[in-house]
C-alpha atoms as a PDB file:
ATOM      1  CA  MET A   1     -37.572 -75.698  12.355  1.00  0.00           C
ATOM      2  CA  VAL A   2     -36.366 -76.752  15.908  1.00  0.00           C
ATOM      3  CA  GLU A   3     -39.580 -76.562  17.498  1.00  0.00           C
ATOM      4  CA  ASP A   4     -41.013 -78.184  14.501  1.00  0.00           C
ATOM      5  CA  ILE A   5     -38.792 -81.165  15.878  1.00  0.00           C
ATOM      6  CA  ASN A   6     -39.903 -81.234  19.018  1.00  0.00           C
ATOM      7  CA  VAL A   7     -43.921 -81.086  18.633  1.00  0.00           C
ATOM      8  CA  ARG A   8     -42.823 -83.799  15.820  1.00  0.00           C
ATOM      9  CA  ILE A   9     -40.659 -86.194  17.922  1.00  0.00           C
ATOM     10  CA  VAL A  10     -43.890 -85.980  20.607  1.00  0.00           C
ATOM     11  CA  ASP A  11     -46.957 -86.354  18.264  1.00  0.00           C
ATOM     12  CA  ASP A  12     -45.046 -89.821  17.104  1.00  0.00           C
ATOM     13  CA  LEU A  13     -44.792 -90.924  20.892  1.00  0.00           C
ATOM     14  CA  VAL A  14     -48.444 -90.223  21.452  1.00  0.00           C
ATOM     15  CA  ALA A  15     -49.505 -91.513  18.097  1.00  0.00           C
ATOM     16  CA  ASN A  16     -47.736 -95.077  18.942  1.00  0.00           C
ATOM     17  CA  GLY A  17     -49.953 -94.794  22.354  1.00  0.00           C
ATOM     18  CA  VAL A  18     -46.993 -93.680  24.967  1.00  0.00           C
ATOM     19  CA  THR A  19     -48.734 -92.379  27.868  1.00  0.00           C
ATOM     20  CA  LEU A  20     -46.190 -91.700  30.226  1.00  0.00           C
ATOM     21  CA  ILE A  21     -42.466 -89.891  29.470  1.00  0.00           C
ATOM     22  CA  THR A  22     -39.668 -89.862  31.907  1.00  0.00           C
ATOM     23  CA  THR A  23     -37.080 -87.244  31.681  1.00  0.00           C
ATOM     24  CA  VAL A  24     -33.796 -86.501  32.967  1.00  0.00           C
ATOM     25  CA  PRO A  25     -32.304 -83.077  32.427  1.00  0.00           C
ATOM     26  CA  CYS A  26     -30.186 -82.419  29.445  1.00  0.00           C
ATOM     27  CA  LYS A  27     -29.667 -79.080  27.653  1.00  0.00           C
ATOM     28  CA  GLN A  28     -29.929 -80.265  24.145  1.00  0.00           C
ATOM     29  CA  LEU A  29     -33.164 -81.891  24.983  1.00  0.00           C
ATOM     30  CA  ALA A  30     -34.730 -78.619  26.669  1.00  0.00           C
ATOM     31  CA  GLU A  31     -37.583 -78.048  24.286  1.00  0.00           C
ATOM     32  CA  VAL A  32     -38.687 -81.758  23.398  1.00  0.00           C
ATOM     33  CA  ILE A  33     -38.475 -81.647  27.326  1.00  0.00           C
ATOM     34  CA  ARG A  34     -40.695 -79.049  27.554  1.00  0.00           C
ATOM     35  CA  GLU A  35     -43.393 -80.547  24.960  1.00  0.00           C
ATOM     36  CA  VAL A  36     -43.923 -83.287  27.184  1.00  0.00           C
ATOM     37  CA  GLU A  37     -44.457 -81.403  29.902  1.00  0.00           C
ATOM     38  CA  TYR A  38     -47.436 -79.323  28.294  1.00  0.00           C
ATOM     39  CA  ARG A  39     -48.910 -82.164  26.295  1.00  0.00           C
ATOM     40  CA  GLU A  40     -52.155 -82.891  26.961  1.00  0.00           C
ATOM     41  CA  GLY A  41     -52.931 -86.963  27.422  1.00  0.00           C
ATOM     42  CA  VAL A  42     -48.998 -87.741  28.687  1.00  0.00           C
ATOM     43  CA  LEU A  43     -47.510 -87.993  32.016  1.00  0.00           C
ATOM     44  CA  HIS A  44     -44.236 -86.740  32.488  1.00  0.00           C
ATOM     45  CA  ILE A  45     -42.721 -88.082  35.095  1.00  0.00           C
ATOM     46  CA  PRO A  46     -38.876 -86.360  35.461  1.00  0.00           C
ATOM     47  CA  SER A  47     -36.204 -88.625  37.181  1.00  0.00           C
ATOM     48  CA  ASN A  48     -33.079 -87.779  39.409  1.00  0.00           C
ATOM     49  CA  LYS A  49     -31.426 -90.553  37.324  1.00  0.00           C
ATOM     50  CA  GLU A  50     -31.862 -92.937  34.284  1.00  0.00           C
ATOM     51  CA  ASP A  51     -31.620 -95.941  35.827  1.00  0.00           C
ATOM     52  CA  GLU A  52     -34.690 -94.406  38.243  1.00  0.00           C
ATOM     53  CA  GLY A  53     -36.527 -93.328  35.097  1.00  0.00           C
ATOM     54  CA  MET A  54     -36.342 -97.051  33.005  1.00  0.00           C
ATOM     55  CA  GLY A  55     -37.814 -98.746  36.708  1.00  0.00           C
ATOM     56  CA  LEU A  56     -40.814 -95.975  36.092  1.00  0.00           C
ATOM     57  CA  CYS A  57     -41.025 -97.034  32.690  1.00  0.00           C
ATOM     58  CA  ALA A  58     -41.130-100.442  33.318  1.00  0.00           C
ATOM     59  CA  GLY A  59     -43.565-100.255  36.424  1.00  0.00           C
ATOM     60  CA  ALA A  60     -45.668 -98.339  33.724  1.00  0.00           C
ATOM     61  CA  PHE A  61     -45.217-101.160  31.211  1.00  0.00           C
ATOM     62  CA  MET A  62     -46.674-103.697  33.561  1.00  0.00           C
ATOM     63  CA  GLY A  63     -49.314-101.671  34.372  1.00  0.00           C
ATOM     64  CA  GLY A  64     -50.513-101.552  30.918  1.00  0.00           C
ATOM     65  CA  ARG A  65     -49.125 -98.331  29.575  1.00  0.00           C
ATOM     66  CA  ARG A  66     -46.689 -97.681  27.095  1.00  0.00           C
ATOM     67  CA  ALA A  67     -43.682 -95.582  28.366  1.00  0.00           C
ATOM     68  CA  ALA A  68     -40.395 -93.506  27.094  1.00  0.00           C
ATOM     69  CA  ILE A  69     -37.678 -92.052  28.399  1.00  0.00           C
ATOM     70  CA  ILE A  70     -35.388 -89.284  27.129  1.00  0.00           C
ATOM     71  CA  MET A  71     -31.530 -88.778  28.191  1.00  0.00           C
ATOM     72  CA  GLN A  72     -28.186 -88.441  27.718  1.00  0.00           C
ATOM     73  CA  ASN A  73     -25.601 -90.521  26.092  1.00  0.00           C
ATOM     74  CA  THR A  74     -23.150 -89.750  29.731  1.00  0.00           C
ATOM     75  CA  ALA A  75     -25.522 -91.387  31.413  1.00  0.00           C
ATOM     76  CA  VAL A  76     -26.098 -95.094  29.436  1.00  0.00           C
ATOM     77  CA  GLY A  77     -23.301 -96.651  31.681  1.00  0.00           C
ATOM     78  CA  VAL A  78     -24.976 -96.025  34.788  1.00  0.00           C
ATOM     79  CA  THR A  79     -28.399 -98.036  32.813  1.00  0.00           C
ATOM     80  CA  ILE A  80     -26.294-100.826  32.055  1.00  0.00           C
ATOM     81  CA  ASN A  81     -27.968-102.999  35.052  1.00  0.00           C
ATOM     82  CA  ALA A  82     -31.484-101.991  34.701  1.00  0.00           C
ATOM     83  CA  LEU A  83     -31.409-102.473  31.161  1.00  0.00           C
ATOM     84  CA  THR A  84     -30.170-105.574  31.520  1.00  0.00           C
ATOM     85  CA  THR A  85     -31.828-107.655  34.311  1.00  0.00           C
ATOM     86  CA  LEU A  86     -35.066-105.213  33.778  1.00  0.00           C
ATOM     87  CA  ILE A  87     -35.741-103.941  30.347  1.00  0.00           C
ATOM     88  CA  GLN A  88     -34.271-106.873  28.495  1.00  0.00           C
ATOM     89  CA  TYR A  89     -35.263-109.757  31.276  1.00  0.00           C
ATOM     90  CA  TYR A  90     -38.845-108.802  30.823  1.00  0.00           C
ATOM     91  CA  ARG A  91     -39.534-108.041  27.182  1.00  0.00           C
ATOM     92  CA  ILE A  92     -40.361-104.215  27.937  1.00  0.00           C
ATOM     93  CA  PRO A  93     -40.360-102.427  24.613  1.00  0.00           C
ATOM     94  CA  LEU A  94     -38.662 -98.730  25.768  1.00  0.00           C
ATOM     95  CA  PRO A  95     -37.703 -96.152  23.376  1.00  0.00           C
ATOM     96  CA  MET A  96     -34.888 -94.410  24.530  1.00  0.00           C
ATOM     97  CA  LEU A  97     -34.654 -91.022  23.434  1.00  0.00           C
ATOM     98  CA  ILE A  98     -30.920 -90.114  23.648  1.00  0.00           C
ATOM     99  CA  SER A  99     -28.662 -86.501  23.460  1.00  0.00           C
ATOM    100  CA  TYR A 100     -25.546 -88.066  21.589  1.00  0.00           C
ATOM    101  CA  ARG A 101     -22.794 -85.627  23.249  1.00  0.00           C
ATOM    102  CA  GLY A 102     -19.496 -85.715  22.922  1.00  0.00           C
ATOM    103  CA  GLY A 103     -18.686 -85.327  19.504  1.00  0.00           C
ATOM    104  CA  LEU A 104     -16.036 -82.744  17.427  1.00  0.00           C
ATOM    105  CA  GLY A 105     -16.866 -79.200  18.919  1.00  0.00           C
ATOM    106  CA  GLU A 106     -17.969 -80.474  22.441  1.00  0.00           C
ATOM    107  CA  PRO A 107     -17.454 -77.638  24.899  1.00  0.00           C
ATOM    108  CA  VAL A 108     -17.664 -80.406  27.861  1.00  0.00           C
ATOM    109  CA  ALA A 109     -14.275 -82.448  28.397  1.00  0.00           C
ATOM    110  CA  CYS A 110     -16.248 -85.455  30.165  1.00  0.00           C
ATOM    111  CA  GLN A 111     -19.118 -85.753  27.225  1.00  0.00           C
ATOM    112  CA  VAL A 112     -16.273 -86.961  25.089  1.00  0.00           C
ATOM    113  CA  GLU A 113     -15.170 -89.738  27.344  1.00  0.00           C
ATOM    114  CA  MET A 114     -18.905 -91.152  27.558  1.00  0.00           C
ATOM    115  CA  ALA A 115     -19.314 -90.699  23.647  1.00  0.00           C
ATOM    116  CA  VAL A 116     -16.408 -92.851  22.941  1.00  0.00           C
ATOM    117  CA  HIS A 117     -17.725 -95.892  24.800  1.00  0.00           C
ATOM    118  CA  THR A 118     -21.957 -95.211  24.422  1.00  0.00           C
ATOM    119  CA  GLU A 119     -22.257 -97.427  20.800  1.00  0.00           C
ATOM    120  CA  ALA A 120     -19.840-100.072  21.857  1.00  0.00           C
ATOM    121  CA  LEU A 121     -21.915-100.023  24.981  1.00  0.00           C
ATOM    122  CA  LEU A 122     -25.447-100.309  23.534  1.00  0.00           C
ATOM    123  CA  ALA A 123     -23.371-102.816  20.642  1.00  0.00           C
ATOM    124  CA  GLU A 124     -22.713-104.832  23.641  1.00  0.00           C
ATOM    125  CA  LEU A 125     -25.885-104.685  24.948  1.00  0.00           C
ATOM    126  CA  ASN A 126     -27.583-105.961  21.726  1.00  0.00           C
ATOM    127  CA  ILE A 127     -30.101-102.777  21.895  1.00  0.00           C
ATOM    128  CA  PRO A 128     -30.565-101.424  18.243  1.00  0.00           C
ATOM    129  CA  THR A 129     -29.721 -98.432  17.864  1.00  0.00           C
ATOM    130  CA  PHE A 130     -30.356 -95.421  15.369  1.00  0.00           C
ATOM    131  CA  HIS A 131     -28.849 -92.270  14.677  1.00  0.00           C
ATOM    132  CA  PHE A 132     -30.269 -88.741  14.298  1.00  0.00           C
ATOM    133  CA  ARG A 133     -27.859 -86.210  12.636  1.00  0.00           C
ATOM    134  CA  ARG A 134     -30.551 -84.450  10.283  1.00  0.00           C
ATOM    135  CA  THR A 135     -33.909 -82.578  11.162  1.00  0.00           C
ATOM    136  CA  ALA A 136     -35.214 -85.385   8.027  1.00  0.00           C
ATOM    137  CA  ASP A 137     -33.966 -88.431  10.165  1.00  0.00           C
ATOM    138  CA  VAL A 138     -36.969 -87.669  12.893  1.00  0.00           C
ATOM    139  CA  GLU A 139     -39.013 -89.242   9.681  1.00  0.00           C
ATOM    140  CA  ASP A 140     -37.786 -92.311  10.930  1.00  0.00           C
ATOM    141  CA  LEU A 141     -39.347 -92.168  13.956  1.00  0.00           C
ATOM    142  CA  ASP A 142     -42.671 -93.896  13.870  1.00  0.00           C
ATOM    143  CA  LYS A 143     -40.600 -96.890  12.471  1.00  0.00           C
ATOM    144  CA  ILE A 144     -38.332 -96.607  15.004  1.00  0.00           C
ATOM    145  CA  LEU A 145     -41.787 -96.764  17.781  1.00  0.00           C
ATOM    146  CA  LYS A 146     -43.467 -99.675  16.037  1.00  0.00           C
ATOM    147  CA  PHE A 147     -40.544-101.644  15.921  1.00  0.00           C
ATOM    148  CA  THR A 148     -39.794-101.309  19.922  1.00  0.00           C
ATOM    149  CA  PHE A 149     -43.812-101.904  20.472  1.00  0.00           C
ATOM    150  CA  MET A 150     -43.759-105.187  18.081  1.00  0.00           C
ATOM    151  CA  CYS A 151     -40.134-106.713  19.468  1.00  0.00           C
ATOM    152  CA  ASN A 152     -40.707-105.816  22.869  1.00  0.00           C
ATOM    153  CA  LYS A 153     -37.071-104.414  22.899  1.00  0.00           C
ATOM    154  CA  PRO A 154     -35.606-101.545  23.716  1.00  0.00           C
ATOM    155  CA  VAL A 155     -34.482 -98.916  21.442  1.00  0.00           C
ATOM    156  CA  ALA A 156     -32.160 -96.456  21.163  1.00  0.00           C
ATOM    157  CA  ILE A 157     -32.293 -93.148  19.153  1.00  0.00           C
ATOM    158  CA  LEU A 158     -28.890 -91.485  19.328  1.00  0.00           C
ATOM    159  CA  SER A 159     -29.947 -87.731  18.528  1.00  0.00           C
ATOM    160  CA  HIS A 160     -26.456 -86.488  17.780  1.00  0.00           C
ATOM    161  CA  THR A 161     -25.662 -82.590  17.975  1.00  0.00           C
ATOM    162  CA  SER A 162     -26.225 -81.460  14.592  1.00  0.00           C
ATOM    163  CA  PHE A 163     -29.568 -83.186  14.990  1.00  0.00           C
ATOM    164  CA  TRP A 164     -30.858 -80.241  17.106  1.00  0.00           C
ATOM    165  CA  GLY A 165     -28.542 -77.705  15.559  1.00  0.00           C
ATOM    166  CA  GLY A 166     -25.475 -77.438  16.970  1.00  0.00           C
ATOM    167  CA  TYR A 167     -23.578 -76.709  20.747  1.00  0.00           C
END
């Protein structure tokens, strides 16, 4: 079923006109990143850092393309400046598929600390946030993508560990 989720995610991105996807390595998102890498018609640009990826997405938007970023919640803090002074200021629609690590059962301590702050930081920036906890939640992705492109806003899609089948 997880493989179907990865295909569905990329299918929905493509169906909504996303032609550039930048990614930052993440164990939980590895299979969806692999699907992005091999998808015809999608330019995949791996990024070293999340804020760098947001710059790539902004440039793509200003060049007439729709873009998305796939990243971890541990770097939400790093992206605050890019989100406020670039993405939000210029009203750039940016779907952010974010692995949400740090919950119960998390084996890596530093993941827990950022999880405590992730939702508060997104709320402080007034970024609409959606949660994928169960595989059925992927059914909402198309509506979320339409929302971000209609409103010219970034949106955060926090994909919980339970969505990906655990740690």
